[in-house]
Amino acid sequence: MVKRQIIHIDQEKCNGCGQCIPDCPEGALQIIDGKAHLISDIFCDGLGACIGTCPEGAISTIEREAKEYDERITMENIIKAGPNVVKAHLKHLKVHAQTNYYNIAVEVLKEKGMEVPDIEEEEPPCGCPGTEMTIIEPPMGGPIAGMENSSTLKQWPVQIHLLHPNAPFFDNSHLLLLADCVAVANPNLHSQLIHGKTVAMGCPKLDDSGAYIEKLTEIIKQNRIKSVTVAMMEVPCCGGMAVIAQEAIKGSGKEIPLIREMVSINGELM
């Protein structure tokens, strides 16, 4: 068991309409006794393709202890559903830039002597509202002095797992690798750290560092990143964020300045 993002269905809100079922090519959802249910943690990748099609808002993602998602077992299940479902699954992985899962899926198809669908030119929206790329125009001149809630965020999404390496807001940018506790602790987050940067946010202790390194390596490889700033808490477990940044830069084969910013547990930039 590992702690990870996984689908949660509010049974009180669910009306059993089944609109979520077609958007889960992995086969993790079924209608049982008039309600949608997650039938297996193994099949749920936690990326939330089903969220956007629920008219009742009954589906969300939560972080909890769950069995690890297994792409190989999932593919065995998906192949039984036919070529259209296989193609939908591969598109889903491509849209979310899940390179490792995609490669495993292709490997399974080749092992079985099956044709790999050509989806290089096809990346339609997957219907997940949390992953819709948005460029945000910050206030002129940056944060407004003395004004609360003055945001300088330039893009959405910000969570590392949800970011696409080819998102337009990465090119020619300064990247901020932000430990999520910093966002809670630092009262001047936008003016001191976010202003002028593109944000990639996560937790090095609770999340999969290997997946973070893989995603960030692709982001740096595929874009002109001017610098990488790591903002982390002074607690020991947060030091993993700097290691993630170092490995990603190394893996990209590029020479990029790495800046470390430490925040104390009382919120001060040290």
Protein backbone atom coordinates (compact mmCIF):
# COMPACT_ATOMS: atom_id res chain seq x y z
CA MET A 1 0.00 0.00 0.00
CA VAL A 2 1.18 3.54 -0.78
CA LYS A 3 -0.25 6.99 -0.13
CA ARG A 4 -1.35 8.50 -3.46
CA GLN A 5 -4.06 10.42 -5.31
CA ILE A 6 -7.08 8.27 -6.12
CA ILE A 7 -10.71 8.75 -7.14
CA HIS A 8 -13.34 9.28 -4.44
CA ILE A 9 -17.09 9.00 -5.14
CA ASP A 10 -19.54 10.74 -2.84
CA GLN A 11 -22.31 8.14 -2.66
CA GLU A 12 -24.87 10.68 -1.42
CA LYS A 13 -24.37 12.86 -4.50
CA CYS A 14 -24.07 10.04 -7.05
CA ASN A 15 -27.33 9.37 -8.92
CA GLY A 16 -26.01 6.38 -10.87
CA CYS A 17 -26.28 8.09 -14.29
CA GLY A 18 -23.14 6.29 -15.51
CA GLN A 19 -21.70 9.25 -17.43
CA CYS A 20 -18.35 8.68 -15.71
CA ILE A 21 -18.00 5.10 -16.98
CA PRO A 22 -16.99 5.80 -20.63
CA ASP A 23 -14.33 8.28 -19.48
CA CYS A 24 -12.55 5.62 -17.43
CA PRO A 25 -10.94 3.40 -20.08
CA GLU A 26 -8.93 1.75 -17.32
CA GLY A 27 -12.14 0.04 -16.14
CA ALA A 28 -11.82 1.21 -12.54
CA LEU A 29 -15.48 2.30 -12.26
CA GLN A 30 -18.70 0.31 -12.38
CA ILE A 31 -22.36 0.98 -11.60
CA ILE A 32 -23.35 -1.32 -8.74
CA ASP A 33 -26.74 -1.13 -7.04
CA GLY A 34 -27.52 2.12 -8.82
CA LYS A 35 -24.34 3.95 -7.78
CA ALA A 36 -20.86 4.41 -9.30
CA HIS A 37 -18.14 2.56 -7.41
CA LEU A 38 -14.36 2.33 -7.66
CA ILE A 39 -13.94 -1.42 -8.06
CA SER A 40 -10.15 -1.63 -7.83
CA ASP A 41 -7.41 0.71 -6.63
CA ILE A 42 -5.01 -1.05 -9.02
CA PHE A 43 -6.92 0.23 -12.06
CA CYS A 44 -7.27 3.87 -10.89
CA ASP A 45 -4.42 6.14 -11.98
CA GLY A 46 -5.82 9.08 -10.00
CA LEU A 47 -5.60 11.49 -12.95
CA GLY A 48 -9.32 12.26 -12.85
CA ALA A 49 -10.58 11.79 -16.41
CA CYS A 50 -14.00 10.91 -14.96
CA ILE A 51 -14.36 14.08 -12.86
CA GLY A 52 -15.42 16.45 -15.62
CA THR A 53 -18.32 14.28 -16.81
CA CYS A 54 -20.09 13.91 -13.45
CA PRO A 55 -23.16 16.20 -13.55
CA GLU A 56 -23.62 15.93 -9.78
CA GLY A 57 -20.04 16.79 -8.81
CA ALA A 58 -19.85 13.50 -6.95
CA ILE A 59 -16.31 12.58 -8.07
CA SER A 60 -13.09 14.06 -6.74
CA THR A 61 -9.54 12.95 -6.05
CA ILE A 62 -8.26 12.43 -2.55
CA GLU A 63 -4.94 11.31 -1.12
CA ARG A 64 -5.18 8.05 0.81
CA GLU A 65 -3.54 4.70 1.35
CA ALA A 66 -4.21 2.56 -1.73
CA LYS A 67 -2.73 -0.25 -3.75
CA GLU A 68 -0.24 1.00 -6.31
CA TYR A 69 -1.61 1.65 -9.79
CA ASP A 70 -0.40 -1.15 -12.08
CA GLU A 71 -0.25 -0.20 -15.78
CA ARG A 72 0.55 -3.73 -16.93
CA ILE A 73 -2.46 -5.29 -15.17
CA THR A 74 -4.62 -2.38 -16.33
CA MET A 75 -3.62 -2.95 -19.95
CA GLU A 76 -4.53 -6.63 -19.69
CA ASN A 77 -8.01 -5.47 -18.64
CA ILE A 78 -8.26 -2.74 -21.27
CA ILE A 79 -7.27 -5.00 -24.19
CA LYS A 80 -10.35 -7.13 -23.50
CA ALA A 81 -12.55 -4.06 -24.10
CA GLY A 82 -11.33 -3.60 -27.68
CA PRO A 83 -9.11 -1.30 -29.80
CA ASN A 84 -11.14 1.88 -29.25
CA VAL A 85 -10.74 1.61 -25.48
CA VAL A 86 -7.01 0.89 -25.90
CA LYS A 87 -6.64 4.04 -28.02
CA ALA A 88 -8.64 6.13 -25.52
CA HIS A 89 -6.37 4.95 -22.71
CA LEU A 90 -3.18 5.77 -24.61
CA LYS A 91 -4.54 9.24 -25.44
CA HIS A 92 -5.33 9.74 -21.76
CA LEU A 93 -1.74 8.91 -20.80
CA LYS A 94 -0.37 11.19 -23.53
CA VAL A 95 -2.51 14.16 -22.49
CA HIS A 96 -1.30 13.80 -18.90
CA ALA A 97 2.33 13.30 -20.04
CA GLN A 98 2.53 9.98 -18.19
CA THR A 99 5.51 8.80 -20.23
CA ASN A 100 6.41 5.84 -18.04
CA TYR A 101 2.87 4.41 -18.03
CA TYR A 102 2.55 5.04 -21.77
CA ASN A 103 5.77 3.13 -22.49
CA ILE A 104 4.60 0.18 -20.37
CA ALA A 105 1.25 0.14 -22.22
CA VAL A 106 3.01 0.09 -25.59
CA GLU A 107 5.32 -2.66 -24.37
CA VAL A 108 2.33 -4.82 -23.41
CA LEU A 109 0.73 -4.31 -26.83
CA LYS A 110 3.95 -5.27 -28.62
CA GLU A 111 4.39 -8.35 -26.44
CA LYS A 112 0.96 -9.50 -27.56
CA GLY A 113 1.69 -8.75 -31.21
CA MET A 114 -0.96 -6.02 -31.28
CA GLU A 115 -0.81 -2.80 -33.29
CA VAL A 116 0.07 0.35 -31.36
CA PRO A 117 -2.47 3.09 -32.23
CA ASP A 118 -0.98 6.18 -33.89
CA ILE A 119 -1.95 9.05 -31.60
CA GLU A 120 1.02 11.38 -32.01
CA GLU A 121 -1.08 14.05 -33.69
CA GLU A 122 -4.15 13.48 -31.57
CA GLU A 123 -4.26 15.09 -28.14
CA PRO A 124 -7.89 16.10 -27.53
CA PRO A 125 -8.99 17.50 -24.17
CA CYS A 126 -9.55 14.66 -21.71
CA GLY A 127 -12.35 16.40 -19.84
CA CYS A 128 -10.43 16.73 -16.57
CA PRO A 129 -11.13 20.28 -15.33
CA GLY A 130 -8.09 20.28 -13.06
CA THR A 131 -5.70 19.83 -15.99
CA GLU A 132 -7.07 22.45 -18.40
CA MET A 133 -4.10 24.66 -19.27
CA THR A 134 -4.67 28.34 -18.58
CA ILE A 135 -2.33 31.31 -18.85
CA ILE A 136 -3.18 33.90 -16.19
CA GLU A 137 -2.41 37.57 -16.63
CA PRO A 138 -1.05 38.91 -13.31
CA PRO A 139 -1.69 42.52 -12.15
CA MET A 140 0.38 45.17 -13.92
CA GLY A 141 3.65 45.70 -12.08
CA GLY A 142 3.27 42.60 -9.94
CA PRO A 143 1.64 42.29 -6.50
CA ILE A 144 -0.05 45.40 -5.15
CA ALA A 145 1.67 46.70 -2.01
CA GLY A 146 -0.46 46.39 1.12
CA MET A 147 -3.25 44.58 -0.71
CA GLU A 148 -4.24 41.11 0.46
CA ASN A 149 -4.84 38.28 -2.01
CA SER A 150 -2.89 39.93 -4.81
CA SER A 151 -2.01 36.94 -6.97
CA THR A 152 0.91 36.81 -9.40
CA LEU A 153 0.23 33.25 -10.52
CA LYS A 154 0.86 32.99 -14.28
CA GLN A 155 -0.64 29.59 -15.10
CA TRP A 156 -2.88 26.67 -14.21
CA PRO A 157 -2.48 23.84 -13.26
CA VAL A 158 0.41 23.97 -10.78
CA GLN A 159 0.63 20.43 -9.35
CA ILE A 160 3.56 18.57 -10.91
CA HIS A 161 1.53 15.45 -11.80
CA LEU A 162 -0.99 17.60 -13.72
CA LEU A 163 1.53 19.66 -15.70
CA HIS A 164 2.13 18.93 -19.38
CA PRO A 165 5.78 19.28 -20.51
CA ASN A 166 4.66 21.07 -23.68
CA ALA A 167 2.48 23.65 -21.91
CA PRO A 168 3.14 27.06 -23.52
CA PHE A 169 3.76 28.81 -20.21
CA PHE A 170 7.00 26.87 -19.63
CA ASP A 171 8.93 28.15 -22.64
CA ASN A 172 11.38 30.96 -21.91
CA SER A 173 10.40 30.99 -18.22
CA HIS A 174 11.92 30.90 -14.76
CA LEU A 175 10.67 27.71 -13.07
CA LEU A 176 9.71 27.66 -9.38
CA LEU A 177 9.72 24.19 -7.83
CA LEU A 178 7.51 24.82 -4.81
CA ALA A 179 7.15 22.49 -1.82
CA ASP A 180 3.45 22.64 -0.98
CA CYS A 181 3.96 23.46 2.72
CA VAL A 182 5.70 26.69 1.69
CA ALA A 183 2.41 27.91 0.24
CA VAL A 184 0.79 27.56 3.65
CA ALA A 185 3.66 28.90 5.75
CA ASN A 186 4.87 31.94 3.80
CA PRO A 187 2.46 34.93 4.00
CA ASN A 188 4.32 36.74 1.22
CA LEU A 189 4.45 33.81 -1.19
CA HIS A 190 3.43 35.72 -4.31
CA SER A 191 5.62 38.78 -3.87
CA GLN A 192 8.68 36.90 -2.60
CA LEU A 193 8.63 33.67 -4.59
CA ILE A 194 5.96 33.27 -7.30
CA HIS A 195 6.21 36.69 -8.99
CA GLY A 196 7.71 36.28 -12.48
CA LYS A 197 7.93 32.49 -12.33
CA THR A 198 6.09 29.44 -13.60
CA VAL A 199 5.09 27.14 -10.73
CA ALA A 200 5.48 23.38 -10.31
CA MET A 201 4.22 22.31 -6.89
CA GLY A 202 4.49 19.06 -4.93
CA CYS A 203 5.60 17.26 -1.79
CA PRO A 204 8.92 15.33 -1.81
CA LYS A 205 7.97 13.28 1.26
CA LEU A 206 4.47 12.02 0.42
CA ASP A 207 4.58 11.87 -3.38
CA ASP A 208 6.55 9.76 -5.86
CA SER A 209 9.89 11.55 -6.27
CA GLY A 210 10.80 9.38 -9.24
CA ALA A 211 7.70 10.49 -11.12
CA TYR A 212 8.46 14.11 -10.24
CA ILE A 213 12.01 13.79 -11.58
CA GLU A 214 10.75 12.20 -14.80
CA LYS A 215 8.13 14.92 -15.38
CA LEU A 216 10.47 17.83 -14.55
CA THR A 217 13.24 16.37 -16.72
CA GLU A 218 10.86 16.41 -19.68
CA ILE A 219 9.75 19.97 -18.89
CA ILE A 220 13.36 21.18 -18.84
CA LYS A 221 14.31 19.17 -21.94
CA GLN A 222 11.45 20.45 -24.05
CA ASN A 223 11.52 24.13 -23.06
CA ARG A 224 13.91 27.05 -22.68
CA ILE A 225 14.05 27.25 -18.89
CA LYS A 226 16.13 30.22 -17.74
CA SER A 227 16.51 29.13 -14.12
CA VAL A 228 15.10 26.74 -11.54
CA THR A 229 14.29 28.01 -8.04
CA VAL A 230 13.53 25.49 -5.30
CA ALA A 231 11.41 26.86 -2.45
CA MET A 232 11.32 24.46 0.51
CA MET A 233 10.71 24.38 4.23
CA GLU A 234 13.55 24.19 6.76
CA VAL A 235 12.38 20.73 7.91
CA PRO A 236 14.63 17.83 6.82
CA CYS A 237 12.07 15.97 4.67
CA CYS A 238 11.70 19.01 2.41
CA GLY A 239 15.34 18.74 1.31
CA GLY A 240 14.22 16.13 -1.19
CA MET A 241 12.87 18.95 -3.35
CA ALA A 242 16.41 20.17 -4.06
CA VAL A 243 17.48 16.61 -4.96
CA ILE A 244 14.52 16.33 -7.37
CA ALA A 245 15.56 19.60 -9.04
CA GLN A 246 19.20 18.53 -9.31
CA GLU A 247 18.32 15.16 -10.85
CA ALA A 248 15.89 16.74 -13.32
CA ILE A 249 18.44 19.29 -14.50
CA LYS A 250 21.08 16.56 -14.77
CA GLY A 251 18.71 14.31 -16.70
CA SER A 252 17.86 17.09 -19.14
CA GLY A 253 21.50 17.42 -20.18
CA LYS A 254 21.29 21.21 -19.83
CA GLU A 255 23.21 23.67 -17.66
CA ILE A 256 20.63 25.76 -15.79
CA PRO A 257 21.13 27.91 -12.67
CA LEU A 258 19.63 26.30 -9.55
CA ILE A 259 18.58 28.65 -6.76
CA ARG A 260 17.56 27.44 -3.29
CA GLU A 261 15.13 29.39 -1.11
CA MET A 262 14.48 28.19 2.47
CA VAL A 263 11.38 29.10 4.46
CA SER A 264 11.24 28.72 8.25
CA ILE A 265 8.29 27.04 9.96
CA ASN A 266 7.09 30.48 11.05
CA GLY A 267 6.95 31.55 7.42
CA GLU A 268 10.04 33.72 7.07
CA LEU A 269 12.23 33.57 3.98
CA MET A 270 15.62 32.65 5.40
